[in-house]
Amino acid sequence: MVVTNISDFRKDIKSYFDRVAINFETLIINRGKDSGIVVISLEEYNSLMATNYELSSRMNERRLDAAIDKFKNGNTISKDLIED
């Protein structure tokens, strides 16, 4: 995570955006007392939205929790991939 203020951000905006886009870093721009902006890459945003969608349904949340529990308890199977 990178934290800066608005003045420093303005001075080197390209460098900050490159760090967010290339290194998938989160950028926080402080704008004063208890005020700020968070900048994330489009890929990170899309990932957060997909996770939010998956967890928006209580049934989906239960399925994911059950799958995680099975994995943690070693109750899994493996299959070989079929290659053409």
N, C-alpha and C. Protein backbone atom coordinates (compact mmCIF):
# COMPACT_ATOMS: atom_id res chain seq x y z
N MET A 1 0.84 -1.16 0.00
CA MET A 1 0.00 0.00 0.00
C MET A 1 0.90 1.24 0.00
N VAL A 2 0.52 2.20 -0.81
CA VAL A 2 1.26 3.44 -0.92
C VAL A 2 0.35 4.56 -0.42
N VAL A 3 0.90 5.42 0.42
CA VAL A 3 0.13 6.55 0.94
C VAL A 3 0.83 7.84 0.55
N THR A 4 0.07 8.80 0.06
CA THR A 4 0.63 10.09 -0.31
C THR A 4 -0.40 11.18 -0.02
N ASN A 5 0.01 12.40 -0.21
CA ASN A 5 -0.94 13.51 -0.11
C ASN A 5 -1.21 14.05 -1.51
N ILE A 6 -2.18 14.90 -1.62
CA ILE A 6 -2.62 15.38 -2.93
C ILE A 6 -1.52 16.16 -3.65
N SER A 7 -0.72 16.92 -2.92
CA SER A 7 0.34 17.71 -3.55
C SER A 7 1.40 16.81 -4.18
N ASP A 8 1.87 15.81 -3.42
CA ASP A 8 2.87 14.89 -3.97
C ASP A 8 2.29 14.06 -5.11
N PHE A 9 1.02 13.71 -5.00
CA PHE A 9 0.37 12.95 -6.07
C PHE A 9 0.36 13.74 -7.37
N ARG A 10 0.02 15.01 -7.28
CA ARG A 10 -0.01 15.86 -8.48
C ARG A 10 1.36 15.96 -9.14
N LYS A 11 2.41 16.02 -8.33
CA LYS A 11 3.77 16.18 -8.85
C LYS A 11 4.23 14.96 -9.65
N ASP A 12 3.74 13.78 -9.28
CA ASP A 12 4.26 12.55 -9.90
C ASP A 12 3.13 11.57 -10.20
N ILE A 13 2.07 12.05 -10.80
CA ILE A 13 0.86 11.24 -11.02
C ILE A 13 1.14 10.00 -11.86
N LYS A 14 1.96 10.13 -12.90
CA LYS A 14 2.24 8.97 -13.75
C LYS A 14 2.93 7.86 -12.97
N SER A 15 3.90 8.20 -12.16
CA SER A 15 4.61 7.20 -11.36
C SER A 15 3.66 6.48 -10.41
N TYR A 16 2.78 7.23 -9.77
CA TYR A 16 1.81 6.61 -8.86
C TYR A 16 0.87 5.67 -9.62
N PHE A 17 0.37 6.12 -10.76
CA PHE A 17 -0.53 5.27 -11.54
C PHE A 17 0.18 4.02 -12.05
N ASP A 18 1.46 4.15 -12.43
CA ASP A 18 2.22 2.99 -12.87
C ASP A 18 2.35 1.97 -11.74
N ARG A 19 2.62 2.44 -10.53
CA ARG A 19 2.74 1.52 -9.39
C ARG A 19 1.43 0.78 -9.14
N VAL A 20 0.33 1.47 -9.30
CA VAL A 20 -0.98 0.84 -9.10
C VAL A 20 -1.25 -0.18 -10.21
N ALA A 21 -1.02 0.23 -11.45
CA ALA A 21 -1.35 -0.63 -12.60
C ALA A 21 -0.39 -1.80 -12.76
N ILE A 22 0.89 -1.55 -12.61
CA ILE A 22 1.89 -2.59 -12.88
C ILE A 22 2.13 -3.50 -11.68
N ASN A 23 2.20 -2.91 -10.50
CA ASN A 23 2.53 -3.68 -9.29
C ASN A 23 1.32 -4.06 -8.46
N PHE A 24 0.13 -3.71 -8.93
CA PHE A 24 -1.13 -4.00 -8.21
C PHE A 24 -1.10 -3.46 -6.78
N GLU A 25 -0.47 -2.31 -6.60
CA GLU A 25 -0.45 -1.69 -5.28
C GLU A 25 -1.71 -0.85 -5.10
N THR A 26 -2.12 -0.69 -3.88
CA THR A 26 -3.23 0.18 -3.54
C THR A 26 -2.65 1.54 -3.16
N LEU A 27 -3.24 2.59 -3.71
CA LEU A 27 -2.78 3.95 -3.44
C LEU A 27 -3.83 4.68 -2.62
N ILE A 28 -3.40 5.26 -1.52
CA ILE A 28 -4.30 6.09 -0.71
C ILE A 28 -3.79 7.52 -0.79
N ILE A 29 -4.68 8.42 -1.20
CA ILE A 29 -4.35 9.83 -1.29
C ILE A 29 -5.08 10.55 -0.17
N ASN A 30 -4.31 11.03 0.81
CA ASN A 30 -4.91 11.76 1.92
C ASN A 30 -5.32 13.16 1.45
N ARG A 31 -6.52 13.57 1.86
CA ARG A 31 -7.03 14.87 1.46
C ARG A 31 -7.37 15.74 2.67
N GLY A 32 -6.83 15.40 3.79
CA GLY A 32 -7.13 16.17 5.00
C GLY A 32 -7.66 15.26 6.07
N LYS A 33 -8.15 15.85 7.12
CA LYS A 33 -8.63 15.09 8.27
C LYS A 33 -9.76 14.15 7.88
N ASP A 34 -9.54 12.86 8.10
CA ASP A 34 -10.54 11.82 7.86
C ASP A 34 -11.11 11.83 6.44
N SER A 35 -10.32 12.27 5.48
CA SER A 35 -10.78 12.30 4.09
C SER A 35 -9.68 11.74 3.20
N GLY A 36 -10.06 10.90 2.28
CA GLY A 36 -9.06 10.34 1.39
C GLY A 36 -9.69 9.64 0.21
N ILE A 37 -8.85 9.28 -0.72
CA ILE A 37 -9.25 8.59 -1.94
C ILE A 37 -8.41 7.32 -2.05
N VAL A 38 -9.04 6.23 -2.47
CA VAL A 38 -8.32 4.98 -2.70
C VAL A 38 -8.30 4.71 -4.19
N VAL A 39 -7.12 4.40 -4.73
CA VAL A 39 -6.96 4.09 -6.15
C VAL A 39 -6.46 2.65 -6.24
N ILE A 40 -7.17 1.82 -7.03
CA ILE A 40 -6.76 0.44 -7.26
C ILE A 40 -6.80 0.18 -8.76
N SER A 41 -6.14 -0.88 -9.17
CA SER A 41 -6.14 -1.24 -10.59
C SER A 41 -7.52 -1.77 -11.00
N LEU A 42 -7.78 -1.75 -12.28
CA LEU A 42 -9.04 -2.27 -12.81
C LEU A 42 -9.18 -3.76 -12.50
N GLU A 43 -8.08 -4.51 -12.61
CA GLU A 43 -8.12 -5.94 -12.30
C GLU A 43 -8.51 -6.19 -10.85
N GLU A 44 -7.94 -5.39 -9.94
CA GLU A 44 -8.26 -5.53 -8.52
C GLU A 44 -9.72 -5.18 -8.26
N TYR A 45 -10.20 -4.12 -8.91
CA TYR A 45 -11.60 -3.72 -8.77
C TYR A 45 -12.52 -4.84 -9.25
N ASN A 46 -12.22 -5.39 -10.42
CA ASN A 46 -13.05 -6.48 -10.97
C ASN A 46 -13.06 -7.69 -10.05
N SER A 47 -11.91 -7.99 -9.45
CA SER A 47 -11.82 -9.10 -8.51
C SER A 47 -12.69 -8.85 -7.28
N LEU A 48 -12.64 -7.65 -6.76
CA LEU A 48 -13.46 -7.29 -5.59
C LEU A 48 -14.95 -7.39 -5.92
N MET A 49 -15.33 -6.94 -7.12
CA MET A 49 -16.74 -7.00 -7.51
C MET A 49 -17.21 -8.45 -7.68
N ALA A 50 -16.33 -9.30 -8.23
CA ALA A 50 -16.68 -10.72 -8.39
C ALA A 50 -16.86 -11.38 -7.02
N THR A 51 -15.95 -11.07 -6.09
CA THR A 51 -16.06 -11.61 -4.74
C THR A 51 -17.33 -11.12 -4.07
N ASN A 52 -17.62 -9.85 -4.22
CA ASN A 52 -18.84 -9.28 -3.65
C ASN A 52 -20.08 -9.97 -4.20
N TYR A 53 -20.08 -10.24 -5.50
CA TYR A 53 -21.21 -10.92 -6.12
C TYR A 53 -21.36 -12.34 -5.57
N GLU A 54 -20.24 -13.05 -5.49
CA GLU A 54 -20.28 -14.43 -5.00
C GLU A 54 -20.78 -14.52 -3.57
N LEU A 55 -20.46 -13.52 -2.76
CA LEU A 55 -20.86 -13.54 -1.36
C LEU A 55 -22.19 -12.83 -1.10
N SER A 56 -22.81 -12.30 -2.16
CA SER A 56 -24.07 -11.56 -1.98
C SER A 56 -25.25 -12.48 -1.69
N SER A 57 -25.13 -13.73 -2.05
CA SER A 57 -26.18 -14.71 -1.79
C SER A 57 -25.77 -15.57 -0.61
N ARG A 58 -26.65 -15.73 0.34
CA ARG A 58 -26.35 -16.56 1.51
C ARG A 58 -26.08 -18.00 1.10
N MET A 59 -26.79 -18.50 0.08
CA MET A 59 -26.57 -19.86 -0.39
C MET A 59 -25.17 -20.01 -1.00
N ASN A 60 -24.75 -19.05 -1.81
CA ASN A 60 -23.39 -19.10 -2.37
C ASN A 60 -22.34 -19.04 -1.27
N GLU A 61 -22.58 -18.21 -0.27
CA GLU A 61 -21.64 -18.09 0.83
C GLU A 61 -21.49 -19.42 1.57
N ARG A 62 -22.61 -20.11 1.79
CA ARG A 62 -22.56 -21.42 2.46
C ARG A 62 -21.81 -22.44 1.62
N ARG A 63 -22.04 -22.44 0.29
CA ARG A 63 -21.33 -23.37 -0.59
C ARG A 63 -19.82 -23.14 -0.55
N LEU A 64 -19.42 -21.87 -0.60
CA LEU A 64 -18.00 -21.55 -0.55
C LEU A 64 -17.39 -21.97 0.79
N ASP A 65 -18.11 -21.70 1.88
CA ASP A 65 -17.62 -22.10 3.20
C ASP A 65 -17.48 -23.62 3.30
N ALA A 66 -18.45 -24.35 2.76
CA ALA A 66 -18.39 -25.82 2.79
C ALA A 66 -17.20 -26.33 1.97
N ALA A 67 -16.97 -25.72 0.82
CA ALA A 67 -15.85 -26.13 -0.02
C ALA A 67 -14.51 -25.86 0.68
N ILE A 68 -14.41 -24.74 1.36
CA ILE A 68 -13.18 -24.40 2.10
C ILE A 68 -12.97 -25.39 3.23
N ASP A 69 -14.03 -25.72 3.95
CA ASP A 69 -13.93 -26.70 5.03
C ASP A 69 -13.48 -28.06 4.52
N LYS A 70 -14.04 -28.52 3.39
CA LYS A 70 -13.63 -29.80 2.80
C LYS A 70 -12.15 -29.78 2.45
N PHE A 71 -11.71 -28.68 1.86
CA PHE A 71 -10.30 -28.57 1.48
C PHE A 71 -9.39 -28.60 2.70
N LYS A 72 -9.75 -27.85 3.73
CA LYS A 72 -8.93 -27.80 4.95
C LYS A 72 -8.86 -29.16 5.64
N ASN A 73 -9.93 -29.94 5.55
CA ASN A 73 -9.98 -31.25 6.20
C ASN A 73 -9.41 -32.36 5.33
N GLY A 74 -8.92 -32.03 4.15
CA GLY A 74 -8.34 -33.02 3.26
C GLY A 74 -9.37 -33.89 2.57
N ASN A 75 -10.60 -33.48 2.57
CA ASN A 75 -11.68 -34.24 1.96
C ASN A 75 -11.85 -33.78 0.50
N THR A 76 -10.82 -34.02 -0.29
CA THR A 76 -10.83 -33.59 -1.69
C THR A 76 -10.47 -34.75 -2.60
N ILE A 77 -10.73 -34.59 -3.86
CA ILE A 77 -10.31 -35.56 -4.86
C ILE A 77 -9.52 -34.82 -5.93
N SER A 78 -8.67 -35.54 -6.63
CA SER A 78 -7.95 -34.93 -7.74
C SER A 78 -8.17 -35.76 -8.98
N LYS A 79 -8.19 -35.07 -10.10
CA LYS A 79 -8.38 -35.73 -11.39
C LYS A 79 -7.34 -35.20 -12.36
N ASP A 80 -6.92 -36.06 -13.25
CA ASP A 80 -5.99 -35.63 -14.29
C ASP A 80 -6.76 -34.90 -15.38
N LEU A 81 -6.10 -33.91 -15.95
CA LEU A 81 -6.70 -33.19 -17.06
C LEU A 81 -6.64 -34.02 -18.33
N ILE A 82 -7.65 -33.90 -19.14
CA ILE A 82 -7.70 -34.61 -20.40
C ILE A 82 -7.05 -33.69 -21.45
N GLU A 83 -6.03 -34.19 -22.09
CA GLU A 83 -5.35 -33.40 -23.10
C GLU A 83 -5.73 -33.93 -24.48
N ASP A 84 -6.02 -33.01 -25.39
CA ASP A 84 -6.38 -33.42 -26.75
C ASP A 84 -5.16 -33.63 -27.59
